[in-house]
Amino acid sequence: MWRRFALSLSFLTVLWLPVSGEITPSDSGGSYAFFPLVGFIVGLGAYSAVLLLHSFMPALLLAAWVCVVLTLLTRGFHLDGLADLADGLGGGYTVERRLEIMKDSATGAFGALALILALLVKTCSIYTLIVKGNWIVLAAVPALARFAIIVCAFKSSCARSSGLAKAGIEYITYGSVIAAALFALVFSLLSGFRQAPVLFASAASCGFFVRWLAHRSLGGVTGDVLGSAGEVTEVVLFTLCACLGR
């Protein structure tokens, strides 16, 4: 368990824990079980930033810095996937062309627009949460977003014959999904008993939607698709949390 948690943390964040020995496909698949826990650790970074800075920083500026913290802790990993997927879907008309565009390291107009809109909506939503004093949600949402990734990945076909996502996707077990769901359920309760079912169901729905879109447009999922599932879910859940209870 520790080995797979270390692998998950090192893969998804700038934080690093040593992993001894050869990493097997089974290890990669098992690491998905800890994705929500790693997301919660990332969210705690955002929550801590609000605790430290709210007394002397304007709320809107603080919201922008929370997005900076989230981006730095994850190396912009999922944002990069969102940009690549947006470029592929927007610029290609065949499966082959879309995958070719997504493999290109350059960011096009569709990718840039996706990044701008995602960060804009997240910043505005986080600003509302800061003003309302609902800060603990900042820790819960990233955890649920990582649960959406495993929902997107489980039993999916791989659009490419190789890649970072392939080994893990093919070895995700029901046990990993159940463990991830339990983590996500626990962390969703931080938003309150009334909102928790809504957030959990919304996270799962986002994962299923991105999965459906990827299979329809690409013939399967890729690492970029999984990153996009996390980002789309964060945008949706931050928006929901900002709106609920108003």
C-alpha atoms as a PDB file:
ATOM      1  CA  MET A   1       0.000   0.000   0.000  1.00  0.00           C
ATOM      2  CA  TRP A   2       2.770   2.428   0.903  1.00  0.00           C
ATOM      3  CA  ARG A   3       4.583   1.656  -2.340  1.00  0.00           C
ATOM      4  CA  ARG A   4       1.493   2.371  -4.411  1.00  0.00           C
ATOM      5  CA  PHE A   5       0.673   5.521  -2.461  1.00  0.00           C
ATOM      6  CA  ALA A   6       4.240   6.764  -3.026  1.00  0.00           C
ATOM      7  CA  LEU A   7       3.893   6.042  -6.724  1.00  0.00           C
ATOM      8  CA  SER A   8       0.586   7.916  -6.880  1.00  0.00           C
ATOM      9  CA  LEU A   9       1.949  10.941  -4.999  1.00  0.00           C
ATOM     10  CA  SER A  10       5.105  11.122  -7.094  1.00  0.00           C
ATOM     11  CA  PHE A  11       3.158  10.781 -10.350  1.00  0.00           C
ATOM     12  CA  LEU A  12       0.450  13.357  -9.671  1.00  0.00           C
ATOM     13  CA  THR A  13       2.361  16.049  -7.763  1.00  0.00           C
ATOM     14  CA  VAL A  14       5.724  17.746  -7.361  1.00  0.00           C
ATOM     15  CA  LEU A  15       6.062  15.896  -4.069  1.00  0.00           C
ATOM     16  CA  TRP A  16       8.230  12.809  -4.208  1.00  0.00           C
ATOM     17  CA  LEU A  17       8.587   9.622  -2.225  1.00  0.00           C
ATOM     18  CA  PRO A  18      11.131   6.916  -3.058  1.00  0.00           C
ATOM     19  CA  VAL A  19       9.798   3.773  -4.720  1.00  0.00           C
ATOM     20  CA  SER A  20      12.177   0.831  -4.505  1.00  0.00           C
ATOM     21  CA  GLY A  21      12.424  -1.863  -7.124  1.00  0.00           C
ATOM     22  CA  GLU A  22      10.860  -2.143 -10.554  1.00  0.00           C
ATOM     23  CA  ILE A  23       7.455  -0.539 -11.064  1.00  0.00           C
ATOM     24  CA  THR A  24       5.091  -3.143 -12.501  1.00  0.00           C
ATOM     25  CA  PRO A  25       1.841  -2.540 -14.406  1.00  0.00           C
ATOM     26  CA  SER A  26       0.048  -3.939 -11.361  1.00  0.00           C
ATOM     27  CA  ASP A  27       1.654  -1.234  -9.217  1.00  0.00           C
ATOM     28  CA  SER A  28       0.518   1.413 -11.698  1.00  0.00           C
ATOM     29  CA  GLY A  29      -3.046   0.126 -11.665  1.00  0.00           C
ATOM     30  CA  GLY A  30      -3.083  -0.167  -7.875  1.00  0.00           C
ATOM     31  CA  SER A  31      -1.833   3.400  -7.462  1.00  0.00           C
ATOM     32  CA  TYR A  32      -5.155   4.701  -8.800  1.00  0.00           C
ATOM     33  CA  ALA A  33      -6.783   3.714  -5.507  1.00  0.00           C
ATOM     34  CA  PHE A  34      -4.866   6.536  -3.799  1.00  0.00           C
ATOM     35  CA  PHE A  35      -5.657   9.253  -6.338  1.00  0.00           C
ATOM     36  CA  PRO A  36      -8.364  10.878  -4.143  1.00  0.00           C
ATOM     37  CA  LEU A  37      -6.016  10.858  -1.145  1.00  0.00           C
ATOM     38  CA  VAL A  38      -3.320  12.575  -3.194  1.00  0.00           C
ATOM     39  CA  GLY A  39      -5.932  15.058  -4.412  1.00  0.00           C
ATOM     40  CA  PHE A  40      -6.827  15.803  -0.805  1.00  0.00           C
ATOM     41  CA  ILE A  41      -3.159  16.527  -0.041  1.00  0.00           C
ATOM     42  CA  VAL A  42      -3.092  18.952  -2.973  1.00  0.00           C
ATOM     43  CA  GLY A  43      -6.310  20.520  -1.710  1.00  0.00           C
ATOM     44  CA  LEU A  44      -4.812  20.962   1.741  1.00  0.00           C
ATOM     45  CA  GLY A  45      -2.133  23.085   0.103  1.00  0.00           C
ATOM     46  CA  ALA A  46      -4.823  25.380  -1.300  1.00  0.00           C
ATOM     47  CA  TYR A  47      -6.665  25.449   2.033  1.00  0.00           C
ATOM     48  CA  SER A  48      -3.441  26.300   3.862  1.00  0.00           C
ATOM     49  CA  ALA A  49      -2.765  29.169   1.470  1.00  0.00           C
ATOM     50  CA  VAL A  50      -6.145  30.703   2.352  1.00  0.00           C
ATOM     51  CA  LEU A  51      -5.527  30.254   6.070  1.00  0.00           C
ATOM     52  CA  LEU A  52      -2.151  31.975   5.843  1.00  0.00           C
ATOM     53  CA  LEU A  53      -3.018  34.817   3.472  1.00  0.00           C
ATOM     54  CA  HIS A  54      -6.685  35.727   3.969  1.00  0.00           C
ATOM     55  CA  SER A  55      -6.044  38.292   6.715  1.00  0.00           C
ATOM     56  CA  PHE A  56      -4.056  40.660   4.517  1.00  0.00           C
ATOM     57  CA  MET A  57      -4.738  39.698   0.892  1.00  0.00           C
ATOM     58  CA  PRO A  58      -7.883  40.763  -1.025  1.00  0.00           C
ATOM     59  CA  ALA A  59     -10.202  37.852  -1.717  1.00  0.00           C
ATOM     60  CA  LEU A  60     -10.019  38.019  -5.510  1.00  0.00           C
ATOM     61  CA  LEU A  61      -6.232  38.141  -5.520  1.00  0.00           C
ATOM     62  CA  LEU A  62      -6.139  35.314  -2.998  1.00  0.00           C
ATOM     63  CA  ALA A  63      -8.380  33.209  -5.247  1.00  0.00           C
ATOM     64  CA  ALA A  64      -5.936  33.704  -8.098  1.00  0.00           C
ATOM     65  CA  TRP A  65      -3.042  32.650  -5.853  1.00  0.00           C
ATOM     66  CA  VAL A  66      -4.959  29.533  -4.778  1.00  0.00           C
ATOM     67  CA  CYS A  67      -5.095  28.568  -8.459  1.00  0.00           C
ATOM     68  CA  VAL A  68      -1.362  29.197  -8.644  1.00  0.00           C
ATOM     69  CA  VAL A  69      -0.805  26.890  -5.669  1.00  0.00           C
ATOM     70  CA  LEU A  70      -2.951  24.152  -7.214  1.00  0.00           C
ATOM     71  CA  THR A  71      -1.053  24.479 -10.490  1.00  0.00           C
ATOM     72  CA  LEU A  72       2.392  24.433  -8.888  1.00  0.00           C
ATOM     73  CA  LEU A  73       1.619  21.427  -6.690  1.00  0.00           C
ATOM     74  CA  THR A  74       0.516  19.413  -9.721  1.00  0.00           C
ATOM     75  CA  ARG A  75       3.070  20.842 -12.177  1.00  0.00           C
ATOM     76  CA  GLY A  76       0.139  21.883 -14.342  1.00  0.00           C
ATOM     77  CA  PHE A  77      -0.071  18.212 -15.292  1.00  0.00           C
ATOM     78  CA  HIS A  78      -3.831  18.054 -15.767  1.00  0.00           C
ATOM     79  CA  LEU A  79      -4.056  21.526 -17.311  1.00  0.00           C
ATOM     80  CA  ASP A  80      -1.647  20.360 -19.988  1.00  0.00           C
ATOM     81  CA  GLY A  81      -3.929  17.405 -20.688  1.00  0.00           C
ATOM     82  CA  LEU A  82      -6.954  19.689 -20.940  1.00  0.00           C
ATOM     83  CA  ALA A  83      -5.182  21.924 -23.458  1.00  0.00           C
ATOM     84  CA  ASP A  84      -4.080  18.953 -25.568  1.00  0.00           C
ATOM     85  CA  LEU A  85      -7.559  17.411 -25.591  1.00  0.00           C
ATOM     86  CA  ALA A  86      -9.183  20.721 -26.523  1.00  0.00           C
ATOM     87  CA  ASP A  87      -6.722  21.169 -29.404  1.00  0.00           C
ATOM     88  CA  GLY A  88      -7.347  17.631 -30.616  1.00  0.00           C
ATOM     89  CA  LEU A  89     -11.129  17.847 -30.494  1.00  0.00           C
ATOM     90  CA  GLY A  90     -11.217  21.358 -31.925  1.00  0.00           C
ATOM     91  CA  GLY A  91      -8.637  20.969 -34.651  1.00  0.00           C
ATOM     92  CA  GLY A  92      -9.105  17.414 -35.924  1.00  0.00           C
ATOM     93  CA  TYR A  93     -11.896  15.763 -37.906  1.00  0.00           C
ATOM     94  CA  THR A  94     -10.688  12.173 -37.748  1.00  0.00           C
ATOM     95  CA  VAL A  95      -9.505  10.018 -34.854  1.00  0.00           C
ATOM     96  CA  GLU A  96      -6.011   9.782 -36.304  1.00  0.00           C
ATOM     97  CA  ARG A  97      -5.704  13.537 -36.799  1.00  0.00           C
ATOM     98  CA  ARG A  98      -6.997  14.304 -33.302  1.00  0.00           C
ATOM     99  CA  LEU A  99      -4.482  11.955 -31.699  1.00  0.00           C
ATOM    100  CA  GLU A 100      -1.720  13.447 -33.840  1.00  0.00           C
ATOM    101  CA  ILE A 101      -2.603  16.982 -32.717  1.00  0.00           C
ATOM    102  CA  MET A 102      -2.762  15.915 -29.065  1.00  0.00           C
ATOM    103  CA  LYS A 103       0.720  14.429 -29.312  1.00  0.00           C
ATOM    104  CA  ASP A 104       2.136  17.757 -30.524  1.00  0.00           C
ATOM    105  CA  SER A 105       3.739  19.664 -27.640  1.00  0.00           C
ATOM    106  CA  ALA A 106       2.632  23.039 -29.026  1.00  0.00           C
ATOM    107  CA  THR A 107      -0.558  24.582 -27.639  1.00  0.00           C
ATOM    108  CA  GLY A 108      -3.063  25.846 -30.177  1.00  0.00           C
ATOM    109  CA  ALA A 109      -5.958  28.283 -30.020  1.00  0.00           C
ATOM    110  CA  PHE A 110      -8.459  25.738 -28.688  1.00  0.00           C
ATOM    111  CA  GLY A 111      -6.076  24.635 -25.958  1.00  0.00           C
ATOM    112  CA  ALA A 112      -5.328  28.210 -24.929  1.00  0.00           C
ATOM    113  CA  LEU A 113      -9.038  29.025 -24.749  1.00  0.00           C
ATOM    114  CA  ALA A 114      -9.705  25.927 -22.638  1.00  0.00           C
ATOM    115  CA  LEU A 115      -6.960  26.923 -20.183  1.00  0.00           C
ATOM    116  CA  ILE A 116      -8.135  30.529 -19.929  1.00  0.00           C
ATOM    117  CA  LEU A 117     -11.773  29.585 -19.375  1.00  0.00           C
ATOM    118  CA  ALA A 118     -10.981  26.829 -16.863  1.00  0.00           C
ATOM    119  CA  LEU A 119      -8.729  29.066 -14.757  1.00  0.00           C
ATOM    120  CA  LEU A 120     -11.178  31.973 -14.999  1.00  0.00           C
ATOM    121  CA  VAL A 121     -14.119  29.905 -13.760  1.00  0.00           C
ATOM    122  CA  LYS A 122     -12.041  28.305 -11.001  1.00  0.00           C
ATOM    123  CA  THR A 123     -10.739  31.671  -9.813  1.00  0.00           C
ATOM    124  CA  CYS A 124     -14.243  33.188  -9.683  1.00  0.00           C
ATOM    125  CA  SER A 125     -15.646  30.138  -7.900  1.00  0.00           C
ATOM    126  CA  ILE A 126     -12.830  30.060  -5.354  1.00  0.00           C
ATOM    127  CA  TYR A 127     -13.298  33.786  -4.765  1.00  0.00           C
ATOM    128  CA  THR A 128     -16.954  33.123  -3.897  1.00  0.00           C
ATOM    129  CA  LEU A 129     -15.976  30.303  -1.533  1.00  0.00           C
ATOM    130  CA  ILE A 130     -13.425  32.537   0.210  1.00  0.00           C
ATOM    131  CA  VAL A 131     -15.965  35.308   0.672  1.00  0.00           C
ATOM    132  CA  LYS A 132     -18.549  32.838   2.007  1.00  0.00           C
ATOM    133  CA  GLY A 133     -15.968  31.357   4.388  1.00  0.00           C
ATOM    134  CA  ASN A 134     -16.445  27.873   2.944  1.00  0.00           C
ATOM    135  CA  TRP A 135     -12.711  27.197   2.785  1.00  0.00           C
ATOM    136  CA  ILE A 136     -12.632  23.497   3.625  1.00  0.00           C
ATOM    137  CA  VAL A 137     -14.219  22.740   0.250  1.00  0.00           C
ATOM    138  CA  LEU A 138     -10.889  23.734  -1.281  1.00  0.00           C
ATOM    139  CA  ALA A 139      -9.454  20.517   0.160  1.00  0.00           C
ATOM    140  CA  ALA A 140     -12.400  18.318  -0.837  1.00  0.00           C
ATOM    141  CA  VAL A 141     -12.786  19.264  -4.504  1.00  0.00           C
ATOM    142  CA  PRO A 142      -9.311  18.182  -5.705  1.00  0.00           C
ATOM    143  CA  ALA A 143      -9.864  14.817  -4.002  1.00  0.00           C
ATOM    144  CA  LEU A 144     -13.159  14.284  -5.824  1.00  0.00           C
ATOM    145  CA  ALA A 145     -11.590  15.418  -9.096  1.00  0.00           C
ATOM    146  CA  ARG A 146      -9.008  12.617  -8.795  1.00  0.00           C
ATOM    147  CA  PHE A 147     -11.836  10.166  -8.168  1.00  0.00           C
ATOM    148  CA  ALA A 148     -13.317  11.264 -11.503  1.00  0.00           C
ATOM    149  CA  ILE A 149     -10.033  10.249 -13.143  1.00  0.00           C
ATOM    150  CA  ILE A 150     -10.358   6.650 -11.994  1.00  0.00           C
ATOM    151  CA  VAL A 151     -14.017   6.620 -13.059  1.00  0.00           C
ATOM    152  CA  CYS A 152     -12.872   7.746 -16.496  1.00  0.00           C
ATOM    153  CA  ALA A 153     -10.066   5.180 -16.642  1.00  0.00           C
ATOM    154  CA  PHE A 154     -11.761   2.044 -15.293  1.00  0.00           C
ATOM    155  CA  LYS A 155     -12.610  -0.511 -18.000  1.00  0.00           C
ATOM    156  CA  SER A 156     -11.706   2.007 -20.709  1.00  0.00           C
ATOM    157  CA  SER A 157     -10.022   1.233 -23.988  1.00  0.00           C
ATOM    158  CA  CYS A 158      -6.669   2.892 -24.667  1.00  0.00           C
ATOM    159  CA  ALA A 159      -6.617   5.127 -27.725  1.00  0.00           C
ATOM    160  CA  ARG A 160      -2.875   4.579 -28.153  1.00  0.00           C
ATOM    161  CA  SER A 161      -0.884   1.366 -28.202  1.00  0.00           C
ATOM    162  CA  SER A 162       1.572   2.821 -25.687  1.00  0.00           C
ATOM    163  CA  GLY A 163       1.821   5.717 -23.247  1.00  0.00           C
ATOM    164  CA  LEU A 164       1.812   6.642 -19.588  1.00  0.00           C
ATOM    165  CA  ALA A 165      -1.848   5.799 -19.097  1.00  0.00           C
ATOM    166  CA  LYS A 166      -1.924   2.409 -20.820  1.00  0.00           C
ATOM    167  CA  ALA A 167      -0.175   0.292 -18.173  1.00  0.00           C
ATOM    168  CA  GLY A 168      -2.267   1.658 -15.330  1.00  0.00           C
ATOM    169  CA  ILE A 169      -5.617   1.538 -17.111  1.00  0.00           C
ATOM    170  CA  GLU A 170      -5.282  -2.127 -18.028  1.00  0.00           C
ATOM    171  CA  TYR A 171      -4.516  -3.126 -14.426  1.00  0.00           C
ATOM    172  CA  ILE A 172      -7.095  -1.129 -12.465  1.00  0.00           C
ATOM    173  CA  THR A 173      -9.026  -3.564 -10.293  1.00  0.00           C
ATOM    174  CA  TYR A 174     -12.451  -3.365  -8.688  1.00  0.00           C
ATOM    175  CA  GLY A 175     -10.660  -3.124  -5.347  1.00  0.00           C
ATOM    176  CA  SER A 176      -8.860   0.043  -6.479  1.00  0.00           C
ATOM    177  CA  VAL A 177     -12.138   1.587  -7.633  1.00  0.00           C
ATOM    178  CA  ILE A 178     -13.880   0.751  -4.346  1.00  0.00           C
ATOM    179  CA  ALA A 179     -10.986   2.147  -2.308  1.00  0.00           C
ATOM    180  CA  ALA A 180     -10.951   5.351  -4.381  1.00  0.00           C
ATOM    181  CA  ALA A 181     -14.735   5.683  -4.003  1.00  0.00           C
ATOM    182  CA  LEU A 182     -14.484   5.314  -0.218  1.00  0.00           C
ATOM    183  CA  PHE A 183     -11.774   7.971  -0.050  1.00  0.00           C
ATOM    184  CA  ALA A 184     -13.894  10.261  -2.214  1.00  0.00           C
ATOM    185  CA  LEU A 185     -17.012   9.700  -0.088  1.00  0.00           C
ATOM    186  CA  VAL A 186     -15.143  10.560   3.110  1.00  0.00           C
ATOM    187  CA  PHE A 187     -13.652  13.722   1.645  1.00  0.00           C
ATOM    188  CA  SER A 188     -16.980  14.798   0.129  1.00  0.00           C
ATOM    189  CA  LEU A 189     -18.416  14.919   3.664  1.00  0.00           C
ATOM    190  CA  LEU A 190     -16.185  17.914   4.345  1.00  0.00           C
ATOM    191  CA  SER A 191     -18.665  19.941   2.303  1.00  0.00           C
ATOM    192  CA  GLY A 192     -21.521  18.907   4.612  1.00  0.00           C
ATOM    193  CA  PHE A 193     -23.936  16.004   4.665  1.00  0.00           C
ATOM    194  CA  ARG A 194     -26.420  17.755   2.366  1.00  0.00           C
ATOM    195  CA  GLN A 195     -23.902  18.679  -0.324  1.00  0.00           C
ATOM    196  CA  ALA A 196     -21.762  15.529  -0.174  1.00  0.00           C
ATOM    197  CA  PRO A 197     -24.060  13.294  -2.301  1.00  0.00           C
ATOM    198  CA  VAL A 198     -24.375  16.041  -4.925  1.00  0.00           C
ATOM    199  CA  LEU A 199     -20.614  16.519  -5.189  1.00  0.00           C
ATOM    200  CA  PHE A 200     -19.864  12.790  -5.243  1.00  0.00           C
ATOM    201  CA  ALA A 201     -22.456  12.120  -7.947  1.00  0.00           C
ATOM    202  CA  SER A 202     -21.273  15.131  -9.955  1.00  0.00           C
ATOM    203  CA  ALA A 203     -17.657  13.960  -9.820  1.00  0.00           C
ATOM    204  CA  ALA A 204     -18.623  10.490 -11.035  1.00  0.00           C
ATOM    205  CA  SER A 205     -20.802  12.009 -13.777  1.00  0.00           C
ATOM    206  CA  CYS A 206     -17.945  14.187 -14.999  1.00  0.00           C
ATOM    207  CA  GLY A 207     -15.680  11.142 -15.169  1.00  0.00           C
ATOM    208  CA  PHE A 208     -18.266   9.180 -17.149  1.00  0.00           C
ATOM    209  CA  PHE A 209     -18.906  12.129 -19.484  1.00  0.00           C
ATOM    210  CA  VAL A 210     -15.235  12.638 -20.366  1.00  0.00           C
ATOM    211  CA  ARG A 211     -14.902   8.855 -20.811  1.00  0.00           C
ATOM    212  CA  TRP A 212     -17.867   8.822 -23.206  1.00  0.00           C
ATOM    213  CA  LEU A 213     -16.517  11.812 -25.129  1.00  0.00           C
ATOM    214  CA  ALA A 214     -13.066  10.241 -25.458  1.00  0.00           C
ATOM    215  CA  HIS A 215     -14.396   6.898 -26.698  1.00  0.00           C
ATOM    216  CA  ARG A 216     -16.671   8.651 -29.161  1.00  0.00           C
ATOM    217  CA  SER A 217     -14.041  11.066 -30.508  1.00  0.00           C
ATOM    218  CA  LEU A 218     -10.747   9.225 -30.005  1.00  0.00           C
ATOM    219  CA  GLY A 219     -11.662   5.564 -29.779  1.00  0.00           C
ATOM    220  CA  GLY A 220     -10.503   5.396 -26.165  1.00  0.00           C
ATOM    221  CA  VAL A 221      -8.740   7.333 -23.439  1.00  0.00           C
ATOM    222  CA  THR A 222      -5.208   8.678 -23.177  1.00  0.00           C
ATOM    223  CA  GLY A 223      -3.214  10.324 -20.403  1.00  0.00           C
ATOM    224  CA  ASP A 224      -4.411  13.696 -21.683  1.00  0.00           C
ATOM    225  CA  VAL A 225      -8.017  12.526 -21.423  1.00  0.00           C
ATOM    226  CA  LEU A 226      -7.529  11.472 -17.801  1.00  0.00           C
ATOM    227  CA  GLY A 227      -5.946  14.818 -16.949  1.00  0.00           C
ATOM    228  CA  SER A 228      -8.845  16.570 -18.634  1.00  0.00           C
ATOM    229  CA  ALA A 229     -11.317  14.563 -16.548  1.00  0.00           C
ATOM    230  CA  GLY A 230      -9.664  15.924 -13.408  1.00  0.00           C
ATOM    231  CA  GLU A 231      -9.691  19.516 -14.623  1.00  0.00           C
ATOM    232  CA  VAL A 232     -13.269  19.426 -15.911  1.00  0.00           C
ATOM    233  CA  THR A 233     -14.412  17.967 -12.609  1.00  0.00           C
ATOM    234  CA  GLU A 234     -12.619  20.661 -10.596  1.00  0.00           C
ATOM    235  CA  VAL A 235     -14.282  23.391 -12.675  1.00  0.00           C
ATOM    236  CA  VAL A 236     -17.728  21.823 -12.249  1.00  0.00           C
ATOM    237  CA  LEU A 237     -17.384  21.099  -8.532  1.00  0.00           C
ATOM    238  CA  PHE A 238     -15.916  24.480  -7.610  1.00  0.00           C
ATOM    239  CA  THR A 239     -18.813  26.067  -9.494  1.00  0.00           C
ATOM    240  CA  LEU A 240     -21.365  23.871  -7.699  1.00  0.00           C
ATOM    241  CA  CYS A 241     -19.848  24.610  -4.290  1.00  0.00           C
ATOM    242  CA  ALA A 242     -19.910  28.343  -5.018  1.00  0.00           C
ATOM    243  CA  CYS A 243     -23.581  28.185  -6.019  1.00  0.00           C
ATOM    244  CA  LEU A 244     -24.932  25.767  -3.413  1.00  0.00           C
ATOM    245  CA  GLY A 245     -26.235  27.385  -0.275  1.00  0.00           C
ATOM    246  CA  ARG A 246     -26.567  30.848  -1.775  1.00  0.00           C
END
